[in-house]
Protein backbone atom coordinates (compact mmCIF):
# COMPACT_ATOMS: atom_id res chain seq x y z
CA UNK A 1 -33.98 1.85 -7.75
CA UNK A 2 -32.16 5.11 -7.04
CA UNK A 3 -31.62 7.22 -10.18
CA UNK A 4 -28.03 8.14 -10.95
CA UNK A 5 -27.57 11.89 -10.59
CA UNK A 6 -24.47 11.92 -12.76
CA UNK A 7 -24.76 9.32 -15.53
CA UNK A 8 -21.55 8.08 -17.09
CA UNK A 9 -21.28 8.21 -20.87
CA UNK A 10 -20.97 4.78 -22.51
CA UNK A 11 -17.34 3.67 -22.76
CA UNK A 12 -16.08 6.17 -20.17
CA UNK A 13 -13.84 4.61 -17.56
CA UNK A 14 -14.40 5.44 -13.93
CA UNK A 15 -11.50 5.58 -11.48
CA UNK A 16 -11.55 2.88 -8.83
CA UNK A 17 -9.55 3.36 -5.66
CA UNK A 18 -9.32 0.56 -3.12
CA UNK A 19 -8.14 1.39 0.38
CA UNK A 20 -7.26 -1.37 2.82
CA UNK A 21 -5.66 -1.76 6.19
CA UNK A 22 -2.29 -3.56 6.42
CA UNK A 23 -2.33 -7.35 6.13
CA UNK A 24 -5.80 -7.41 4.55
CA UNK A 25 -5.03 -9.97 1.81
CA UNK A 26 -4.94 -7.00 -0.53
CA UNK A 27 -2.00 -8.44 -2.48
CA UNK A 28 -4.09 -11.48 -3.38
CA UNK A 29 -6.92 -9.21 -4.46
CA UNK A 30 -4.51 -7.13 -6.54
CA UNK A 31 -3.25 -10.29 -8.27
CA UNK A 32 -6.84 -11.08 -9.27
CA UNK A 33 -7.26 -7.58 -10.71
CA UNK A 34 -3.98 -7.91 -12.60
CA UNK A 35 -5.46 -10.78 -14.61
CA UNK A 36 -7.61 -8.16 -16.37
CA UNK A 37 -4.77 -6.12 -17.88
CA UNK A 38 -7.00 -5.57 -20.91
CA UNK A 39 -9.40 -3.49 -18.81
CA UNK A 40 -7.54 -2.40 -15.66
CA UNK A 41 -4.28 -0.68 -14.78
CA UNK A 42 -3.04 -1.43 -11.25
CA UNK A 43 -0.84 0.86 -9.20
CA UNK A 44 0.41 -0.69 -5.97
CA UNK A 45 0.90 1.88 -3.21
CA UNK A 46 1.57 4.78 -5.58
CA UNK A 47 1.81 7.33 -2.77
CA UNK A 48 3.90 5.35 -0.28
CA UNK A 49 7.26 6.80 -1.36
CA UNK A 50 6.26 10.49 -1.18
CA UNK A 51 4.46 9.75 2.12
CA UNK A 52 7.58 8.28 3.69
CA UNK A 53 10.57 9.88 1.97
CA UNK A 54 9.62 12.90 -0.16
CA UNK A 55 9.62 16.58 0.76
CA UNK A 56 5.86 16.41 1.48
CA UNK A 57 6.22 13.37 3.76
CA UNK A 58 3.43 13.01 6.28
CA UNK A 59 4.77 9.88 8.01
CA UNK A 60 7.40 10.88 10.55
CA UNK A 61 8.88 7.52 11.50
CA UNK A 62 11.51 7.77 8.74
CA UNK A 63 12.37 11.37 9.60
CA UNK A 64 12.96 11.12 13.34
CA UNK A 65 16.10 9.04 12.83
CA UNK A 66 17.47 11.02 9.88
CA UNK A 67 16.23 8.79 7.07
CA UNK A 68 14.58 11.53 5.01
CA UNK A 69 15.28 10.71 1.39
CA UNK A 70 17.20 7.61 2.44
CA UNK A 71 15.76 5.52 -0.38
CA UNK A 72 17.55 6.37 -3.65
CA UNK A 73 15.43 8.46 -5.98
CA UNK A 74 12.71 9.32 -3.48
CA UNK A 75 14.13 12.44 -1.82
CA UNK A 76 12.36 14.64 -4.39
CA UNK A 77 9.33 12.36 -4.92
CA UNK A 78 6.06 14.32 -4.59
CA UNK A 79 2.39 13.42 -4.62
CA UNK A 80 1.86 15.45 -7.81
CA UNK A 81 4.63 13.51 -9.57
CA UNK A 82 2.83 10.28 -8.69
CA UNK A 83 -0.50 11.67 -9.95
CA UNK A 84 1.22 12.68 -13.20
CA UNK A 85 2.74 9.18 -13.48
CA UNK A 86 -0.71 7.62 -13.09
CA UNK A 87 -2.16 9.97 -15.73
CA UNK A 88 0.70 9.13 -18.13
CA UNK A 89 0.40 5.36 -17.71
CA UNK A 90 -3.38 5.05 -17.93
CA UNK A 91 -4.62 4.90 -21.51
CA UNK A 92 -7.69 7.07 -22.23
CA UNK A 93 -10.93 5.25 -21.45
CA UNK A 94 -9.25 2.72 -19.15
CA UNK A 95 -10.57 2.14 -15.65
CA UNK A 96 -8.07 3.21 -13.01
CA UNK A 97 -7.39 0.95 -10.06
CA UNK A 98 -5.16 1.62 -7.11
CA UNK A 99 -4.64 -1.11 -4.58
CA UNK A 100 -3.24 -0.44 -1.12
CA UNK A 101 -3.16 3.30 -1.46
CA UNK A 102 -1.23 4.60 1.52
CA UNK A 103 -1.38 8.28 2.40
């Protein structure tokens, strides 16, 4: 058995981030996780909007044809705003779970 170099205090939640490729049955997996709302908080693709439409967009397919900010409310959407949203919505001590994180 390999000793844990950084033990976690009892009751401390660890963040869990799941990354998948498109069409990987990840929605079905997310639905399974959502049955544990008492222990998990799911965020589905929390960084998709800033990746596609925000000022920090790193996906160009929506920018080459003039669609930057085309989706209402996402023109000013940033990665930090999404991180803040996750921090606000996750109760202290809850395990974090992000399914289909797209960056």
